[in-house]
Structures are given as structure tokens and as C-alpha cells.
Amino acid sequence: MDQPPPYSVPELSEAVTKDAQALAPPPVQATPHNLTIRNRPIIATCPKCQTTVTSTIVPKVGTKAGIFALLTCLICWPLVWLPLCMDSCQDEVHQCPNCKTELGRIPA
């Protein structure tokens, strides 16, 4: 009985590697549109000073805090300040540490 011809494993692995590289997504560059991680700085290129920086996170009063403050004012006006001080109601703003330019905002 004749033996089957040997298979060429290196050629098969090269083809699989090339296919995997073609299907792999490109690396994600941090932009204001894909900021999703809360409470962690990101590495991004500042559009103003053109340097690659690790962002600083600054909480700022956003729309959610304003809406809750308005509702609190209607229900119990002495506590209107409470949503404006709560971290869970504030937006997370990523800033360049060099020039303080806003790199992105994650709403509360």
C-alpha cells in the first residue's frame, strides 16, 4: 500500500497567519468618540499641542446633574445643591495635562 504524500505544514501556517493579519482590526487610537473607560486616564495625542500624553480626569457638572438638580428643586428645594456635588452625576472630562485642552467627555 502506498503512503500518502506528506503535507506541507509551514505553507498552511503561513496562509493562516496572512489571513489572520488581514482580518485583524487596526489598533484603537483614543479619540473623543471611543472614550469608554471611566475613572482611568487614557493615552492620547493632544490636538492642540500635538504631544502624546496621559490624560488627567476632571469631574464637571453635566446635563444629568442639571436635570437632577431641577427635579430636586421641584420636590425639595433646600436640597437642590446635592446632585451638583455628587460624583455619580458629574461628567468625566479627559484633559491634556500640558495645555488643559479637553480630549473627551464621558457623560455620567
C-alpha atoms as a PDB file:
ATOM      1  CA  MET A   1       0.000   0.000   0.000  1.00  0.00           C
ATOM      2  CA  ASP A   2       1.360   3.387  -0.975  1.00  0.00           C
ATOM      3  CA  GLN A   3       1.855   6.129   1.572  1.00  0.00           C
ATOM      4  CA  PRO A   4       0.004   9.429   1.011  1.00  0.00           C
ATOM      5  CA  PRO A   5       2.158  12.415   0.129  1.00  0.00           C
ATOM      6  CA  PRO A   6       3.392  14.429   3.111  1.00  0.00           C
ATOM      7  CA  TYR A   7       1.557  17.620   3.928  1.00  0.00           C
ATOM      8  CA  SER A   8       3.385  20.910   3.940  1.00  0.00           C
ATOM      9  CA  VAL A   9       2.570  22.366   7.352  1.00  0.00           C
ATOM     10  CA  PRO A  10       4.677  25.563   7.035  1.00  0.00           C
ATOM     11  CA  GLU A  11       2.762  26.651   3.933  1.00  0.00           C
ATOM     12  CA  LEU A  12      -0.533  26.113   5.716  1.00  0.00           C
ATOM     13  CA  SER A  13       0.547  28.131   8.760  1.00  0.00           C
ATOM     14  CA  GLU A  14       1.805  30.997   6.574  1.00  0.00           C
ATOM     15  CA  ALA A  15      -1.564  31.178   4.821  1.00  0.00           C
ATOM     16  CA  VAL A  16      -3.412  31.176   8.145  1.00  0.00           C
ATOM     17  CA  THR A  17      -1.122  33.909   9.502  1.00  0.00           C
ATOM     18  CA  LYS A  18      -1.670  36.094   6.436  1.00  0.00           C
ATOM     19  CA  ASP A  19      -5.456  35.623   6.705  1.00  0.00           C
ATOM     20  CA  ALA A  20      -5.391  36.438  10.419  1.00  0.00           C
ATOM     21  CA  GLN A  21      -3.386  39.610   9.799  1.00  0.00           C
ATOM     22  CA  ALA A  22      -5.810  40.699   7.073  1.00  0.00           C
ATOM     23  CA  LEU A  23      -8.804  40.159   9.388  1.00  0.00           C
ATOM     24  CA  ALA A  24      -7.274  41.733  12.493  1.00  0.00           C
ATOM     25  CA  PRO A  25      -8.753  45.122  13.417  1.00  0.00           C
ATOM     26  CA  PRO A  26      -6.394  48.102  13.395  1.00  0.00           C
ATOM     27  CA  PRO A  27      -5.148  49.394  16.756  1.00  0.00           C
ATOM     28  CA  VAL A  28      -7.544  51.746  18.531  1.00  0.00           C
ATOM     29  CA  GLN A  29      -6.444  55.354  18.800  1.00  0.00           C
ATOM     30  CA  ALA A  30      -8.062  57.207  21.678  1.00  0.00           C
ATOM     31  CA  THR A  31     -10.464  59.821  20.352  1.00  0.00           C
ATOM     32  CA  PRO A  32     -13.397  61.596  21.972  1.00  0.00           C
ATOM     33  CA  HIS A  33     -15.709  59.147  20.201  1.00  0.00           C
ATOM     34  CA  ASN A  34     -14.353  55.971  21.768  1.00  0.00           C
ATOM     35  CA  LEU A  35     -13.750  57.005  25.362  1.00  0.00           C
ATOM     36  CA  THR A  36     -15.460  54.296  27.354  1.00  0.00           C
ATOM     37  CA  ILE A  37     -13.342  53.555  30.407  1.00  0.00           C
ATOM     38  CA  ARG A  38     -14.425  55.504  33.464  1.00  0.00           C
ATOM     39  CA  ASN A  39     -12.050  56.601  36.229  1.00  0.00           C
ATOM     40  CA  ARG A  40      -8.908  55.739  34.264  1.00  0.00           C
ATOM     41  CA  PRO A  41      -6.634  58.058  32.317  1.00  0.00           C
ATOM     42  CA  ILE A  42      -6.068  57.370  28.636  1.00  0.00           C
ATOM     43  CA  ILE A  43      -3.051  57.789  26.385  1.00  0.00           C
ATOM     44  CA  ALA A  44      -3.922  60.114  23.515  1.00  0.00           C
ATOM     45  CA  THR A  45      -2.414  62.677  21.181  1.00  0.00           C
ATOM     46  CA  CYS A  46      -3.484  66.204  22.054  1.00  0.00           C
ATOM     47  CA  PRO A  47      -4.910  68.004  19.000  1.00  0.00           C
ATOM     48  CA  LYS A  48      -3.664  71.388  20.245  1.00  0.00           C
ATOM     49  CA  CYS A  49      -0.078  70.768  21.408  1.00  0.00           C
ATOM     50  CA  GLN A  50       0.468  67.604  19.263  1.00  0.00           C
ATOM     51  CA  THR A  51       2.093  65.599  22.070  1.00  0.00           C
ATOM     52  CA  THR A  52       1.237  62.110  23.251  1.00  0.00           C
ATOM     53  CA  VAL A  53       0.054  62.458  26.830  1.00  0.00           C
ATOM     54  CA  THR A  54      -1.674  60.565  29.601  1.00  0.00           C
ATOM     55  CA  SER A  55      -4.891  62.449  30.245  1.00  0.00           C
ATOM     56  CA  THR A  56      -5.940  63.921  33.545  1.00  0.00           C
ATOM     57  CA  ILE A  57      -9.528  63.340  34.651  1.00  0.00           C
ATOM     58  CA  VAL A  58     -11.592  66.288  35.843  1.00  0.00           C
ATOM     59  CA  PRO A  59     -15.207  65.890  37.016  1.00  0.00           C
ATOM     60  CA  LYS A  60     -17.529  68.591  35.664  1.00  0.00           C
ATOM     61  CA  VAL A  61     -21.215  69.293  36.106  1.00  0.00           C
ATOM     62  CA  GLY A  62     -23.083  67.934  33.109  1.00  0.00           C
ATOM     63  CA  THR A  63     -26.603  67.544  31.807  1.00  0.00           C
ATOM     64  CA  LYS A  64     -27.515  64.731  34.194  1.00  0.00           C
ATOM     65  CA  ALA A  65     -26.612  66.826  37.232  1.00  0.00           C
ATOM     66  CA  GLY A  66     -28.632  69.760  35.887  1.00  0.00           C
ATOM     67  CA  ILE A  67     -31.721  67.621  35.301  1.00  0.00           C
ATOM     68  CA  PHE A  68     -31.499  66.058  38.767  1.00  0.00           C
ATOM     69  CA  ALA A  69     -30.982  69.500  40.329  1.00  0.00           C
ATOM     70  CA  LEU A  70     -34.119  70.765  38.562  1.00  0.00           C
ATOM     71  CA  LEU A  71     -36.137  67.752  39.744  1.00  0.00           C
ATOM     72  CA  THR A  72     -34.799  68.168  43.284  1.00  0.00           C
ATOM     73  CA  CYS A  73     -35.760  71.841  43.172  1.00  0.00           C
ATOM     74  CA  LEU A  74     -39.337  70.884  42.313  1.00  0.00           C
ATOM     75  CA  ILE A  75     -39.538  68.235  45.042  1.00  0.00           C
ATOM     76  CA  CYS A  76     -37.442  69.669  47.879  1.00  0.00           C
ATOM     77  CA  TRP A  77     -35.737  72.966  47.028  1.00  0.00           C
ATOM     78  CA  PRO A  78     -33.324  73.109  50.025  1.00  0.00           C
ATOM     79  CA  LEU A  79     -31.514  70.056  48.600  1.00  0.00           C
ATOM     80  CA  VAL A  80     -31.047  71.494  45.090  1.00  0.00           C
ATOM     81  CA  TRP A  81     -27.252  71.568  45.563  1.00  0.00           C
ATOM     82  CA  LEU A  82     -26.998  67.824  46.252  1.00  0.00           C
ATOM     83  CA  PRO A  83     -26.907  66.500  42.625  1.00  0.00           C
ATOM     84  CA  LEU A  84     -24.348  69.177  41.709  1.00  0.00           C
ATOM     85  CA  CYS A  85     -21.889  67.743  44.261  1.00  0.00           C
ATOM     86  CA  MET A  86     -22.372  64.017  43.631  1.00  0.00           C
ATOM     87  CA  ASP A  87     -19.637  62.305  41.575  1.00  0.00           C
ATOM     88  CA  SER A  88     -22.174  59.929  40.019  1.00  0.00           C
ATOM     89  CA  CYS A  89     -23.994  62.892  38.428  1.00  0.00           C
ATOM     90  CA  GLN A  90     -20.895  64.585  37.025  1.00  0.00           C
ATOM     91  CA  ASP A  91     -19.347  64.069  33.602  1.00  0.00           C
ATOM     92  CA  GLU A  92     -15.792  62.763  33.370  1.00  0.00           C
ATOM     93  CA  VAL A  93     -13.664  65.109  31.274  1.00  0.00           C
ATOM     94  CA  HIS A  94     -10.263  63.944  29.991  1.00  0.00           C
ATOM     95  CA  GLN A  95      -7.819  66.861  29.608  1.00  0.00           C
ATOM     96  CA  CYS A  96      -4.308  67.291  28.282  1.00  0.00           C
ATOM     97  CA  PRO A  97      -2.067  67.899  31.315  1.00  0.00           C
ATOM     98  CA  ASN A  98       0.099  70.354  29.314  1.00  0.00           C
ATOM     99  CA  CYS A  99      -2.396  72.754  27.738  1.00  0.00           C
ATOM    100  CA  LYS A 100      -5.664  71.751  29.504  1.00  0.00           C
ATOM    101  CA  THR A 101      -7.426  71.040  26.181  1.00  0.00           C
ATOM    102  CA  GLU A 102     -10.462  68.755  26.505  1.00  0.00           C
ATOM    103  CA  LEU A 103      -9.629  65.419  24.872  1.00  0.00           C
ATOM    104  CA  GLY A 104     -13.016  63.847  25.511  1.00  0.00           C
ATOM    105  CA  ARG A 105     -16.014  63.726  27.777  1.00  0.00           C
ATOM    106  CA  ILE A 106     -17.807  60.711  29.188  1.00  0.00           C
ATOM    107  CA  PRO A 107     -21.322  61.636  30.294  1.00  0.00           C
ATOM    108  CA  ALA A 108     -22.482  60.486  33.706  1.00  0.00           C
END
